[in-house]
Amino acid sequence: MFTPDFLKSQKVLFVEEEDLAREKLGKLLSKLFGDVVLASNGFEGFEKYQKSRVTNQKIDLIISDINMPIMNGLEMLEKIREIDPFIPVILTTARNETQNILKAIDLNVSNYLIKPIDTSLLVRKITEVCEKKYFEIELQDKQKELQTYLDAVDGVALIYKMDENGVISFANKSLLLTSKYTLDELKNINFNELIHPDVTKQSIDETWEILKKGKIWTGN
């Protein structure tokens, strides 16, 4: 379940030209996140982003103004996207410019806020972005866990998939090793041809009847 504790495990980069706004929002972000990195323009922000990767202290979220000297927020984000296409980004700006909005969409920006910043709205947007990331991480963890189980089963069971005519479309590693066929070869061999000759026709027919009724067959 997503909780504020997740934010405490995250690191945010906040890029803002105005000293007062940077200090004020920086303090707010420090209450939410475990680590906050501040920068005064896009060039400095990009340098700190690069440093975080070199030191293996990766940044999890970027919040940045657009209109800044030396390098603006969109220029900074373009460089970051060359390295990481997926890091969540929230952009802020004092100007509601269509061109900037379209550029931000192209750069896969998570959210876009107009100044002056409503702090309650900012917190809500941060929560939405981080909640989405939390569930993505949860999904990745579940997929890894599932793969571990599948690998364990693969080591002890022969698994295959076939249609009602006995045409095989999938076989796991154990079945391929045991049968000494490749998957392409199995696809050209009907399942009935793989059954040991000692198995009676009656047993085969009974098995098919059970399966065609949508029930689970068990046995040796």
N, C-alpha and C. Protein backbone atom coordinates (compact mmCIF):
# COMPACT_ATOMS: atom_id res chain seq x y z
N MET A 1 0.84 -1.20 0.00
CA MET A 1 0.00 0.00 0.00
C MET A 1 0.88 1.25 0.00
N PHE A 2 0.51 2.23 -0.83
CA PHE A 2 1.27 3.47 -0.92
C PHE A 2 1.06 4.31 0.34
N THR A 3 2.17 4.72 0.97
CA THR A 3 2.12 5.55 2.18
C THR A 3 3.18 6.64 2.06
N PRO A 4 3.10 7.67 2.94
CA PRO A 4 4.13 8.72 2.94
C PRO A 4 5.53 8.17 3.17
N ASP A 5 5.65 6.98 3.75
CA ASP A 5 6.97 6.38 3.98
C ASP A 5 7.70 6.15 2.65
N PHE A 6 6.93 5.90 1.59
CA PHE A 6 7.55 5.68 0.28
C PHE A 6 8.27 6.95 -0.17
N LEU A 7 7.67 8.12 0.06
CA LEU A 7 8.30 9.39 -0.33
C LEU A 7 9.61 9.59 0.42
N LYS A 8 9.66 9.12 1.66
CA LYS A 8 10.87 9.27 2.46
C LYS A 8 12.03 8.46 1.89
N SER A 9 11.71 7.49 1.04
CA SER A 9 12.76 6.68 0.42
C SER A 9 13.20 7.25 -0.93
N GLN A 10 12.56 8.37 -1.32
CA GLN A 10 12.81 8.94 -2.65
C GLN A 10 13.68 10.20 -2.58
N LYS A 11 14.38 10.46 -3.69
CA LYS A 11 15.25 11.63 -3.81
C LYS A 11 14.74 12.53 -4.92
N VAL A 12 14.57 13.82 -4.64
CA VAL A 12 14.00 14.74 -5.62
C VAL A 12 15.01 15.83 -5.97
N LEU A 13 15.04 16.21 -7.24
CA LEU A 13 15.83 17.35 -7.72
C LEU A 13 14.87 18.50 -7.98
N PHE A 14 15.09 19.63 -7.29
CA PHE A 14 14.23 20.81 -7.46
C PHE A 14 15.05 21.93 -8.08
N VAL A 15 14.65 22.37 -9.28
CA VAL A 15 15.38 23.40 -10.03
C VAL A 15 14.51 24.65 -10.13
N GLU A 16 14.98 25.74 -9.53
CA GLU A 16 14.20 26.98 -9.49
C GLU A 16 15.14 28.18 -9.47
N GLU A 17 14.89 29.16 -10.37
CA GLU A 17 15.77 30.33 -10.49
C GLU A 17 15.64 31.26 -9.29
N GLU A 18 14.43 31.54 -8.81
CA GLU A 18 14.21 32.51 -7.75
C GLU A 18 14.66 31.95 -6.40
N ASP A 19 15.52 32.68 -5.73
CA ASP A 19 16.10 32.21 -4.46
C ASP A 19 15.04 31.95 -3.40
N LEU A 20 14.10 32.89 -3.25
CA LEU A 20 13.08 32.77 -2.20
C LEU A 20 12.19 31.56 -2.46
N ALA A 21 11.74 31.41 -3.71
CA ALA A 21 10.87 30.28 -4.06
C ALA A 21 11.61 28.96 -3.89
N ARG A 22 12.89 28.94 -4.27
CA ARG A 22 13.70 27.72 -4.14
C ARG A 22 13.84 27.33 -2.67
N GLU A 23 14.08 28.34 -1.83
CA GLU A 23 14.25 28.08 -0.40
C GLU A 23 12.94 27.62 0.24
N LYS A 24 11.85 28.30 -0.10
CA LYS A 24 10.56 28.01 0.50
C LYS A 24 10.06 26.61 0.11
N LEU A 25 10.05 26.35 -1.20
CA LEU A 25 9.57 25.04 -1.66
C LEU A 25 10.56 23.93 -1.31
N GLY A 26 11.85 24.30 -1.23
CA GLY A 26 12.85 23.32 -0.82
C GLY A 26 12.57 22.79 0.57
N LYS A 27 12.16 23.66 1.48
CA LYS A 27 11.83 23.26 2.85
C LYS A 27 10.59 22.35 2.86
N LEU A 28 9.61 22.70 2.02
CA LEU A 28 8.39 21.87 1.92
C LEU A 28 8.74 20.48 1.42
N LEU A 29 9.56 20.43 0.39
CA LEU A 29 9.95 19.14 -0.19
C LEU A 29 10.75 18.31 0.80
N SER A 30 11.53 18.98 1.65
CA SER A 30 12.34 18.26 2.64
C SER A 30 11.47 17.54 3.67
N LYS A 31 10.25 18.04 3.86
CA LYS A 31 9.32 17.39 4.78
C LYS A 31 8.69 16.14 4.16
N LEU A 32 8.68 16.13 2.82
CA LEU A 32 8.04 15.01 2.12
C LEU A 32 9.03 13.93 1.74
N PHE A 33 10.21 14.35 1.23
CA PHE A 33 11.18 13.42 0.66
C PHE A 33 12.36 13.17 1.60
N GLY A 34 13.00 12.03 1.39
CA GLY A 34 14.16 11.69 2.19
C GLY A 34 15.37 12.54 1.85
N ASP A 35 15.47 12.98 0.60
CA ASP A 35 16.62 13.77 0.16
C ASP A 35 16.18 14.76 -0.92
N VAL A 36 16.57 16.01 -0.78
CA VAL A 36 16.21 17.06 -1.74
C VAL A 36 17.49 17.73 -2.25
N VAL A 37 17.65 17.76 -3.58
CA VAL A 37 18.80 18.41 -4.22
C VAL A 37 18.29 19.68 -4.89
N LEU A 38 18.94 20.83 -4.61
CA LEU A 38 18.49 22.12 -5.14
C LEU A 38 19.45 22.61 -6.22
N ALA A 39 18.87 23.27 -7.24
CA ALA A 39 19.66 23.87 -8.31
C ALA A 39 18.98 25.16 -8.75
N SER A 40 19.78 26.14 -9.23
CA SER A 40 19.24 27.46 -9.56
C SER A 40 18.97 27.65 -11.05
N ASN A 41 19.42 26.72 -11.90
CA ASN A 41 19.14 26.81 -13.33
C ASN A 41 19.30 25.42 -13.96
N GLY A 42 18.93 25.31 -15.23
CA GLY A 42 18.96 24.02 -15.90
C GLY A 42 20.34 23.41 -16.01
N PHE A 43 21.34 24.26 -16.22
CA PHE A 43 22.71 23.76 -16.35
C PHE A 43 23.17 23.12 -15.04
N GLU A 44 22.93 23.83 -13.94
CA GLU A 44 23.30 23.31 -12.62
C GLU A 44 22.49 22.06 -12.30
N GLY A 45 21.21 22.09 -12.68
CA GLY A 45 20.34 20.94 -12.44
C GLY A 45 20.83 19.71 -13.17
N PHE A 46 21.23 19.89 -14.43
CA PHE A 46 21.72 18.75 -15.22
C PHE A 46 23.02 18.22 -14.64
N GLU A 47 23.90 19.12 -14.18
CA GLU A 47 25.16 18.69 -13.56
C GLU A 47 24.89 17.84 -12.32
N LYS A 48 23.94 18.28 -11.50
CA LYS A 48 23.64 17.54 -10.27
C LYS A 48 22.96 16.22 -10.59
N TYR A 49 22.17 16.21 -11.65
CA TYR A 49 21.55 14.95 -12.07
C TYR A 49 22.63 13.96 -12.50
N GLN A 50 23.59 14.43 -13.30
CA GLN A 50 24.69 13.56 -13.75
C GLN A 50 25.51 13.05 -12.57
N LYS A 51 25.77 13.94 -11.61
CA LYS A 51 26.56 13.55 -10.43
C LYS A 51 25.85 12.47 -9.64
N SER A 52 24.52 12.56 -9.55
CA SER A 52 23.76 11.56 -8.80
C SER A 52 23.90 10.17 -9.42
N ARG A 53 24.03 10.12 -10.72
CA ARG A 53 24.20 8.84 -11.41
C ARG A 53 25.61 8.28 -11.21
N VAL A 54 26.59 9.18 -11.25
CA VAL A 54 27.99 8.76 -11.08
C VAL A 54 28.20 8.21 -9.67
N THR A 55 27.58 8.85 -8.68
CA THR A 55 27.74 8.43 -7.28
C THR A 55 26.75 7.35 -6.88
N ASN A 56 25.96 6.89 -7.85
CA ASN A 56 24.96 5.83 -7.60
C ASN A 56 23.94 6.23 -6.53
N GLN A 57 23.61 7.52 -6.51
CA GLN A 57 22.58 8.03 -5.60
C GLN A 57 21.48 8.65 -6.47
N LYS A 58 20.84 7.81 -7.23
CA LYS A 58 19.95 8.26 -8.29
C LYS A 58 18.80 9.12 -7.80
N ILE A 59 18.42 10.08 -8.65
CA ILE A 59 17.28 10.95 -8.39
C ILE A 59 16.02 10.26 -8.89
N ASP A 60 14.95 10.33 -8.09
CA ASP A 60 13.71 9.62 -8.42
C ASP A 60 12.66 10.53 -9.05
N LEU A 61 12.74 11.82 -8.80
CA LEU A 61 11.75 12.77 -9.32
C LEU A 61 12.43 14.11 -9.56
N ILE A 62 12.00 14.79 -10.64
CA ILE A 62 12.52 16.14 -10.94
C ILE A 62 11.36 17.12 -10.96
N ILE A 63 11.52 18.22 -10.23
CA ILE A 63 10.57 19.34 -10.27
C ILE A 63 11.36 20.55 -10.74
N SER A 64 10.94 21.16 -11.83
CA SER A 64 11.77 22.23 -12.40
C SER A 64 10.93 23.35 -13.01
N ASP A 65 11.43 24.56 -12.84
CA ASP A 65 10.90 25.72 -13.55
C ASP A 65 11.31 25.59 -15.03
N ILE A 66 10.59 26.27 -15.91
CA ILE A 66 10.95 26.26 -17.33
C ILE A 66 11.84 27.44 -17.67
N ASN A 67 11.40 28.65 -17.33
CA ASN A 67 12.10 29.86 -17.74
C ASN A 67 13.24 30.19 -16.77
N MET A 68 14.48 29.84 -17.17
CA MET A 68 15.66 30.07 -16.34
C MET A 68 16.83 30.48 -17.22
N PRO A 69 17.81 31.18 -16.64
CA PRO A 69 18.99 31.58 -17.43
C PRO A 69 19.94 30.41 -17.67
N ILE A 70 20.89 30.63 -18.55
CA ILE A 70 21.95 29.67 -18.90
C ILE A 70 21.38 28.46 -19.63
N MET A 71 20.48 27.73 -18.97
CA MET A 71 19.79 26.60 -19.62
C MET A 71 18.40 26.51 -19.01
N ASN A 72 17.35 26.57 -19.85
CA ASN A 72 16.01 26.52 -19.29
C ASN A 72 15.60 25.08 -18.95
N GLY A 73 14.42 24.95 -18.35
CA GLY A 73 13.98 23.64 -17.89
C GLY A 73 13.76 22.62 -18.99
N LEU A 74 13.25 23.08 -20.13
CA LEU A 74 13.01 22.16 -21.25
C LEU A 74 14.32 21.69 -21.87
N GLU A 75 15.30 22.60 -21.96
CA GLU A 75 16.62 22.22 -22.49
C GLU A 75 17.29 21.20 -21.56
N MET A 76 17.16 21.44 -20.25
CA MET A 76 17.70 20.50 -19.28
C MET A 76 17.04 19.13 -19.42
N LEU A 77 15.72 19.14 -19.55
CA LEU A 77 14.98 17.89 -19.65
C LEU A 77 15.31 17.13 -20.92
N GLU A 78 15.56 17.86 -22.02
CA GLU A 78 15.97 17.20 -23.26
C GLU A 78 17.25 16.38 -23.04
N LYS A 79 18.20 16.96 -22.32
CA LYS A 79 19.47 16.27 -22.06
C LYS A 79 19.25 15.07 -21.12
N ILE A 80 18.38 15.26 -20.14
CA ILE A 80 18.11 14.17 -19.19
C ILE A 80 17.39 13.02 -19.89
N ARG A 81 16.48 13.34 -20.80
CA ARG A 81 15.73 12.31 -21.51
C ARG A 81 16.65 11.46 -22.40
N GLU A 82 17.77 12.00 -22.82
CA GLU A 82 18.73 11.22 -23.59
C GLU A 82 19.34 10.11 -22.73
N ILE A 83 19.33 10.34 -21.42
CA ILE A 83 19.91 9.37 -20.47
C ILE A 83 18.82 8.49 -19.87
N ASP A 84 17.72 9.11 -19.49
CA ASP A 84 16.63 8.39 -18.82
C ASP A 84 15.28 8.85 -19.40
N PRO A 85 14.65 8.01 -20.22
CA PRO A 85 13.38 8.39 -20.85
C PRO A 85 12.19 8.36 -19.89
N PHE A 86 12.37 7.82 -18.68
CA PHE A 86 11.20 7.52 -17.86
C PHE A 86 11.14 8.24 -16.52
N ILE A 87 12.21 8.91 -16.08
CA ILE A 87 12.17 9.56 -14.77
C ILE A 87 11.02 10.56 -14.73
N PRO A 88 10.18 10.54 -13.68
CA PRO A 88 9.03 11.46 -13.59
C PRO A 88 9.49 12.91 -13.46
N VAL A 89 8.78 13.81 -14.15
CA VAL A 89 9.14 15.23 -14.14
C VAL A 89 7.88 16.08 -13.99
N ILE A 90 7.94 17.05 -13.08
CA ILE A 90 6.88 18.05 -12.94
C ILE A 90 7.49 19.41 -13.29
N LEU A 91 6.90 20.10 -14.27
CA LEU A 91 7.41 21.41 -14.69
C LEU A 91 6.52 22.53 -14.15
N THR A 92 7.17 23.65 -13.80
CA THR A 92 6.43 24.83 -13.36
C THR A 92 6.82 26.01 -14.25
N THR A 93 5.89 26.94 -14.43
CA THR A 93 6.19 28.12 -15.26
C THR A 93 5.22 29.24 -14.93
N ALA A 94 5.69 30.48 -15.13
CA ALA A 94 4.83 31.65 -14.91
C ALA A 94 4.04 31.98 -16.16
N ARG A 95 4.35 31.31 -17.28
CA ARG A 95 3.70 31.62 -18.55
C ARG A 95 2.96 30.40 -19.08
N ASN A 96 1.74 30.63 -19.45
CA ASN A 96 0.92 29.54 -20.01
C ASN A 96 1.10 29.54 -21.53
N GLU A 97 2.26 29.08 -21.98
CA GLU A 97 2.59 29.13 -23.40
C GLU A 97 2.33 27.77 -24.07
N THR A 98 1.55 27.80 -25.14
CA THR A 98 1.19 26.57 -25.84
C THR A 98 2.41 25.82 -26.34
N GLN A 99 3.38 26.56 -26.87
CA GLN A 99 4.58 25.94 -27.42
C GLN A 99 5.33 25.15 -26.35
N ASN A 100 5.44 25.74 -25.15
CA ASN A 100 6.11 25.05 -24.05
C ASN A 100 5.35 23.81 -23.61
N ILE A 101 4.03 23.93 -23.57
CA ILE A 101 3.20 22.80 -23.15
C ILE A 101 3.36 21.63 -24.13
N LEU A 102 3.34 21.94 -25.42
CA LEU A 102 3.50 20.89 -26.43
C LEU A 102 4.88 20.25 -26.34
N LYS A 103 5.90 21.08 -26.10
CA LYS A 103 7.26 20.55 -25.95
C LYS A 103 7.34 19.66 -24.71
N ALA A 104 6.69 20.08 -23.64
CA ALA A 104 6.68 19.30 -22.40
C ALA A 104 6.01 17.94 -22.62
N ILE A 105 4.95 17.92 -23.40
CA ILE A 105 4.25 16.66 -23.70
C ILE A 105 5.18 15.73 -24.48
N ASP A 106 5.90 16.31 -25.45
CA ASP A 106 6.86 15.51 -26.24
C ASP A 106 7.95 14.90 -25.36
N LEU A 107 8.28 15.60 -24.28
CA LEU A 107 9.34 15.13 -23.38
C LEU A 107 8.79 14.26 -22.25
N ASN A 108 7.55 13.85 -22.39
CA ASN A 108 6.93 12.92 -21.44
C ASN A 108 6.92 13.46 -20.01
N VAL A 109 6.44 14.71 -19.88
CA VAL A 109 6.35 15.34 -18.56
C VAL A 109 5.13 14.79 -17.82
N SER A 110 5.30 14.51 -16.53
CA SER A 110 4.22 13.92 -15.74
C SER A 110 3.13 14.94 -15.42
N ASN A 111 3.54 16.17 -15.05
CA ASN A 111 2.58 17.22 -14.72
C ASN A 111 3.16 18.59 -15.05
N TYR A 112 2.28 19.59 -15.14
CA TYR A 112 2.65 20.93 -15.58
C TYR A 112 1.86 21.92 -14.73
N LEU A 113 2.55 22.76 -13.92
CA LEU A 113 1.86 23.68 -13.01
C LEU A 113 2.19 25.13 -13.36
N ILE A 114 1.18 25.99 -13.27
CA ILE A 114 1.35 27.42 -13.55
C ILE A 114 1.64 28.16 -12.24
N LYS A 115 2.64 29.06 -12.26
CA LYS A 115 2.94 29.90 -11.10
C LYS A 115 1.91 31.01 -10.97
N PRO A 116 1.71 31.54 -9.76
CA PRO A 116 2.34 31.14 -8.50
C PRO A 116 1.88 29.74 -8.07
N ILE A 117 2.79 28.98 -7.50
CA ILE A 117 2.51 27.59 -7.18
C ILE A 117 1.59 27.48 -5.97
N ASP A 118 0.50 26.76 -6.16
CA ASP A 118 -0.38 26.39 -5.06
C ASP A 118 0.25 25.15 -4.40
N THR A 119 0.78 25.32 -3.20
CA THR A 119 1.53 24.23 -2.57
C THR A 119 0.68 22.98 -2.35
N SER A 120 -0.60 23.17 -2.03
CA SER A 120 -1.46 22.00 -1.82
C SER A 120 -1.65 21.25 -3.13
N LEU A 121 -1.74 21.99 -4.25
CA LEU A 121 -1.86 21.35 -5.56
C LEU A 121 -0.55 20.64 -5.93
N LEU A 122 0.57 21.29 -5.61
CA LEU A 122 1.87 20.68 -5.89
C LEU A 122 2.01 19.36 -5.13
N VAL A 123 1.63 19.36 -3.86
CA VAL A 123 1.73 18.14 -3.05
C VAL A 123 0.84 17.05 -3.64
N ARG A 124 -0.35 17.45 -4.09
CA ARG A 124 -1.27 16.46 -4.70
C ARG A 124 -0.67 15.87 -5.97
N LYS A 125 -0.07 16.73 -6.80
CA LYS A 125 0.55 16.25 -8.04
C LYS A 125 1.75 15.34 -7.75
N ILE A 126 2.53 15.72 -6.75
CA ILE A 126 3.67 14.89 -6.35
C ILE A 126 3.18 13.52 -5.90
N THR A 127 2.12 13.51 -5.10
CA THR A 127 1.57 12.25 -4.60
C THR A 127 1.09 11.37 -5.75
N GLU A 128 0.41 11.98 -6.73
CA GLU A 128 -0.09 11.23 -7.88
C GLU A 128 1.07 10.59 -8.66
N VAL A 129 2.11 11.39 -8.91
CA VAL A 129 3.26 10.90 -9.67
C VAL A 129 3.97 9.78 -8.92
N CYS A 130 4.21 9.99 -7.63
CA CYS A 130 4.95 9.01 -6.83
C CYS A 130 4.13 7.75 -6.56
N GLU A 131 2.82 7.92 -6.46
CA GLU A 131 1.95 6.75 -6.27
C GLU A 131 2.02 5.84 -7.51
N LYS A 132 2.00 6.47 -8.68
CA LYS A 132 2.12 5.70 -9.91
C LYS A 132 3.45 4.95 -9.96
N LYS A 133 4.53 5.64 -9.56
CA LYS A 133 5.84 5.00 -9.55
C LYS A 133 5.87 3.86 -8.54
N TYR A 134 5.25 4.07 -7.39
CA TYR A 134 5.21 3.03 -6.35
C TYR A 134 4.58 1.74 -6.89
N PHE A 135 3.45 1.88 -7.58
CA PHE A 135 2.77 0.70 -8.10
C PHE A 135 3.55 0.05 -9.25
N GLU A 136 4.28 0.86 -10.01
CA GLU A 136 5.14 0.30 -11.06
C GLU A 136 6.24 -0.56 -10.44
N ILE A 137 6.83 -0.07 -9.34
CA ILE A 137 7.86 -0.83 -8.63
C ILE A 137 7.26 -2.11 -8.04
N GLU A 138 6.06 -1.99 -7.46
CA GLU A 138 5.39 -3.16 -6.91
C GLU A 138 5.15 -4.21 -7.99
N LEU A 139 4.72 -3.76 -9.17
CA LEU A 139 4.46 -4.68 -10.27
C LEU A 139 5.75 -5.37 -10.71
N GLN A 140 6.83 -4.61 -10.81
CA GLN A 140 8.12 -5.20 -11.19
C GLN A 140 8.56 -6.25 -10.18
N ASP A 141 8.36 -5.95 -8.88
CA ASP A 141 8.73 -6.90 -7.83
C ASP A 141 7.90 -8.18 -7.93
N LYS A 142 6.61 -8.02 -8.20
CA LYS A 142 5.72 -9.19 -8.32
C LYS A 142 6.10 -10.03 -9.54
N GLN A 143 6.48 -9.36 -10.62
CA GLN A 143 6.90 -10.09 -11.83
C GLN A 143 8.18 -10.88 -11.58
N LYS A 144 9.12 -10.27 -10.83
CA LYS A 144 10.36 -10.98 -10.48
C LYS A 144 10.05 -12.18 -9.60
N GLU A 145 9.13 -11.98 -8.64
CA GLU A 145 8.75 -13.07 -7.74
C GLU A 145 8.09 -14.20 -8.52
N LEU A 146 7.20 -13.84 -9.45
CA LEU A 146 6.53 -14.84 -10.27
C LEU A 146 7.54 -15.61 -11.12
N GLN A 147 8.51 -14.89 -11.68
CA GLN A 147 9.53 -15.55 -12.50
C GLN A 147 10.34 -16.54 -11.68
N THR A 148 10.60 -16.20 -10.42
CA THR A 148 11.32 -17.10 -9.52
C THR A 148 10.53 -18.40 -9.33
N TYR A 149 9.21 -18.27 -9.12
CA TYR A 149 8.36 -19.46 -8.97
C TYR A 149 8.34 -20.28 -10.25
N LEU A 150 8.24 -19.57 -11.38
CA LEU A 150 8.20 -20.28 -12.67
C LEU A 150 9.50 -21.03 -12.92
N ASP A 151 10.62 -20.42 -12.57
CA ASP A 151 11.91 -21.09 -12.73
C ASP A 151 12.00 -22.33 -11.85
N ALA A 152 11.43 -22.23 -10.63
CA ALA A 152 11.45 -23.38 -9.72
C ALA A 152 10.60 -24.52 -10.27
N VAL A 153 9.41 -24.18 -10.78
CA VAL A 153 8.52 -25.20 -11.36
C VAL A 153 9.16 -25.80 -12.60
N ASP A 154 9.80 -24.96 -13.38
CA ASP A 154 10.43 -25.40 -14.63
C ASP A 154 11.49 -26.47 -14.39
N GLY A 155 12.08 -26.45 -13.19
CA GLY A 155 13.13 -27.40 -12.90
C GLY A 155 12.63 -28.79 -12.53
N VAL A 156 11.33 -28.90 -12.18
CA VAL A 156 10.84 -30.19 -11.69
C VAL A 156 9.63 -30.71 -12.46
N ALA A 157 9.06 -29.91 -13.35
CA ALA A 157 7.83 -30.33 -14.05
C ALA A 157 7.96 -30.18 -15.55
N LEU A 158 7.28 -31.09 -16.28
CA LEU A 158 7.20 -30.99 -17.74
C LEU A 158 5.92 -30.26 -18.08
N ILE A 159 6.05 -29.12 -18.73
CA ILE A 159 4.89 -28.27 -19.01
C ILE A 159 4.78 -28.01 -20.50
N TYR A 160 3.57 -28.14 -21.03
CA TYR A 160 3.35 -27.85 -22.43
C TYR A 160 1.96 -27.27 -22.61
N LYS A 161 1.76 -26.64 -23.76
CA LYS A 161 0.45 -26.09 -24.11
C LYS A 161 0.08 -26.62 -25.47
N MET A 162 -1.17 -27.11 -25.58
CA MET A 162 -1.62 -27.63 -26.88
C MET A 162 -3.09 -27.29 -27.08
N ASP A 163 -3.55 -27.38 -28.32
CA ASP A 163 -4.96 -27.13 -28.59
C ASP A 163 -5.74 -28.44 -28.52
N GLU A 164 -7.03 -28.38 -28.84
CA GLU A 164 -7.88 -29.57 -28.70
C GLU A 164 -7.55 -30.66 -29.71
N ASN A 165 -6.73 -30.33 -30.68
CA ASN A 165 -6.32 -31.33 -31.68
C ASN A 165 -4.94 -31.93 -31.36
N GLY A 166 -4.37 -31.52 -30.23
CA GLY A 166 -3.09 -32.07 -29.84
C GLY A 166 -1.89 -31.36 -30.45
N VAL A 167 -2.13 -30.19 -31.06
CA VAL A 167 -1.03 -29.42 -31.66
C VAL A 167 -0.35 -28.60 -30.56
N ILE A 168 0.93 -28.82 -30.33
CA ILE A 168 1.67 -28.17 -29.25
C ILE A 168 2.18 -26.80 -29.69
N SER A 169 1.98 -25.79 -28.85
CA SER A 169 2.43 -24.44 -29.16
C SER A 169 3.48 -23.93 -28.17
N PHE A 170 3.60 -24.61 -27.03
CA PHE A 170 4.58 -24.20 -26.02
C PHE A 170 5.08 -25.42 -25.26
N ALA A 171 6.38 -25.41 -24.93
CA ALA A 171 6.96 -26.45 -24.08
C ALA A 171 8.04 -25.81 -23.23
N ASN A 172 8.09 -26.15 -21.93
CA ASN A 172 9.11 -25.57 -21.07
C ASN A 172 10.45 -26.28 -21.25
N LYS A 173 11.48 -25.76 -20.59
CA LYS A 173 12.83 -26.29 -20.76
C LYS A 173 12.92 -27.76 -20.39
N SER A 174 12.25 -28.14 -19.28
CA SER A 174 12.33 -29.52 -18.82
C SER A 174 11.76 -30.49 -19.85
N LEU A 175 10.65 -30.11 -20.47
CA LEU A 175 10.06 -30.99 -21.48
C LEU A 175 10.96 -31.10 -22.70
N LEU A 176 11.55 -30.00 -23.10
CA LEU A 176 12.45 -30.02 -24.27
C LEU A 176 13.68 -30.89 -23.99
N LEU A 177 14.22 -30.78 -22.78
CA LEU A 177 15.40 -31.58 -22.43
C LEU A 177 15.05 -33.07 -22.37
N THR A 178 13.88 -33.37 -21.80
CA THR A 178 13.47 -34.77 -21.65
C THR A 178 13.14 -35.41 -22.99
N SER A 179 12.41 -34.68 -23.82
CA SER A 179 11.98 -35.22 -25.12
C SER A 179 13.09 -35.16 -26.16
N LYS A 180 14.08 -34.27 -25.91
CA LYS A 180 15.18 -34.05 -26.86
C LYS A 180 14.71 -33.49 -28.20
N TYR A 181 13.56 -32.83 -28.16
CA TYR A 181 13.05 -32.11 -29.33
C TYR A 181 13.24 -30.61 -29.12
N THR A 182 13.33 -29.85 -30.19
CA THR A 182 13.25 -28.39 -30.11
C THR A 182 11.78 -28.01 -30.15
N LEU A 183 11.46 -26.78 -29.77
CA LEU A 183 10.07 -26.35 -29.79
C LEU A 183 9.52 -26.37 -31.21
N ASP A 184 10.33 -25.97 -32.19
CA ASP A 184 9.88 -25.99 -33.59
C ASP A 184 9.56 -27.42 -34.03
N GLU A 185 10.36 -28.38 -33.57
CA GLU A 185 10.09 -29.77 -33.92
C GLU A 185 8.79 -30.26 -33.27
N LEU A 186 8.59 -29.86 -32.01
CA LEU A 186 7.37 -30.28 -31.31
C LEU A 186 6.11 -29.72 -31.96
N LYS A 187 6.22 -28.52 -32.51
CA LYS A 187 5.06 -27.91 -33.15
C LYS A 187 4.61 -28.70 -34.37
N ASN A 188 5.52 -29.50 -34.92
CA ASN A 188 5.19 -30.33 -36.09
C ASN A 188 4.86 -31.77 -35.71
N ILE A 189 4.85 -32.03 -34.39
CA ILE A 189 4.53 -33.38 -33.92
C ILE A 189 3.27 -33.31 -33.08
N ASN A 190 2.28 -34.10 -33.40
CA ASN A 190 1.05 -34.13 -32.61
C ASN A 190 1.32 -34.74 -31.24
N PHE A 191 0.60 -34.25 -30.24
CA PHE A 191 0.82 -34.75 -28.88
C PHE A 191 0.65 -36.27 -28.79
N ASN A 192 -0.28 -36.82 -29.56
CA ASN A 192 -0.53 -38.26 -29.52
C ASN A 192 0.71 -39.07 -29.93
N GLU A 193 1.57 -38.46 -30.73
CA GLU A 193 2.78 -39.16 -31.17
C GLU A 193 3.84 -39.20 -30.07
N LEU A 194 3.67 -38.39 -29.03
CA LEU A 194 4.65 -38.36 -27.94
C LEU A 194 4.29 -39.35 -26.83
N ILE A 195 3.08 -39.86 -26.84
CA ILE A 195 2.64 -40.76 -25.77
C ILE A 195 3.34 -42.11 -25.89
N HIS A 196 3.79 -42.61 -24.77
CA HIS A 196 4.50 -43.90 -24.74
C HIS A 196 3.58 -45.01 -25.25
N PRO A 197 4.11 -45.94 -26.03
CA PRO A 197 3.27 -47.00 -26.61
C PRO A 197 2.60 -47.91 -25.57
N ASP A 198 3.11 -47.93 -24.34
CA ASP A 198 2.49 -48.76 -23.30
C ASP A 198 1.20 -48.16 -22.76
N VAL A 199 0.98 -46.88 -23.04
CA VAL A 199 -0.26 -46.24 -22.58
C VAL A 199 -1.41 -46.70 -23.47
N THR A 200 -2.48 -47.19 -22.86
CA THR A 200 -3.60 -47.75 -23.64
C THR A 200 -4.41 -46.66 -24.31
N LYS A 201 -5.06 -47.03 -25.42
CA LYS A 201 -5.91 -46.09 -26.14
C LYS A 201 -7.06 -45.63 -25.26
N GLN A 202 -7.57 -46.54 -24.41
CA GLN A 202 -8.67 -46.19 -23.52
C GLN A 202 -8.25 -45.07 -22.56
N SER A 203 -7.04 -45.17 -22.03
CA SER A 203 -6.55 -44.15 -21.10
C SER A 203 -6.43 -42.79 -21.80
N ILE A 204 -5.96 -42.84 -23.05
CA ILE A 204 -5.81 -41.60 -23.82
C ILE A 204 -7.18 -40.97 -24.09
N ASP A 205 -8.15 -41.80 -24.51
CA ASP A 205 -9.50 -41.30 -24.80
C ASP A 205 -10.14 -40.70 -23.55
N GLU A 206 -9.95 -41.36 -22.41
CA GLU A 206 -10.54 -40.87 -21.16
C GLU A 206 -9.91 -39.52 -20.76
N THR A 207 -8.61 -39.43 -21.00
CA THR A 207 -7.92 -38.17 -20.68
C THR A 207 -8.47 -37.02 -21.52
N TRP A 208 -8.65 -37.29 -22.82
CA TRP A 208 -9.18 -36.25 -23.71
C TRP A 208 -10.59 -35.84 -23.32
N GLU A 209 -11.41 -36.79 -22.91
CA GLU A 209 -12.79 -36.49 -22.51
C GLU A 209 -12.81 -35.56 -21.31
N ILE A 210 -11.91 -35.84 -20.35
CA ILE A 210 -11.84 -34.99 -19.16
C ILE A 210 -11.42 -33.56 -19.52
N LEU A 211 -10.41 -33.47 -20.38
CA LEU A 211 -9.90 -32.15 -20.76
C LEU A 211 -10.91 -31.35 -21.58
N LYS A 212 -11.62 -32.03 -22.48
CA LYS A 212 -12.59 -31.33 -23.34
C LYS A 212 -13.79 -30.82 -22.56
N LYS A 213 -14.02 -31.38 -21.36
CA LYS A 213 -15.09 -30.89 -20.50
C LYS A 213 -14.63 -29.70 -19.65
N GLY A 214 -13.37 -29.31 -19.85
CA GLY A 214 -12.85 -28.17 -19.11
C GLY A 214 -12.39 -28.51 -17.71
N LYS A 215 -12.28 -29.81 -17.43
CA LYS A 215 -11.83 -30.24 -16.10
C LYS A 215 -10.32 -30.47 -16.11
N ILE A 216 -9.77 -30.64 -14.90
CA ILE A 216 -8.33 -30.87 -14.76
C ILE A 216 -8.06 -32.36 -14.63
N TRP A 217 -7.18 -32.88 -15.50
CA TRP A 217 -6.80 -34.29 -15.40
C TRP A 217 -5.61 -34.44 -14.48
N THR A 218 -5.66 -35.41 -13.61
CA THR A 218 -4.51 -35.72 -12.76
C THR A 218 -4.23 -37.20 -12.84
N GLY A 219 -2.97 -37.56 -12.73
CA GLY A 219 -2.60 -38.97 -12.79
C GLY A 219 -1.16 -39.13 -13.19
N ASN A 220 -0.77 -40.38 -13.41
CA ASN A 220 0.61 -40.68 -13.83
C ASN A 220 0.63 -41.06 -15.29
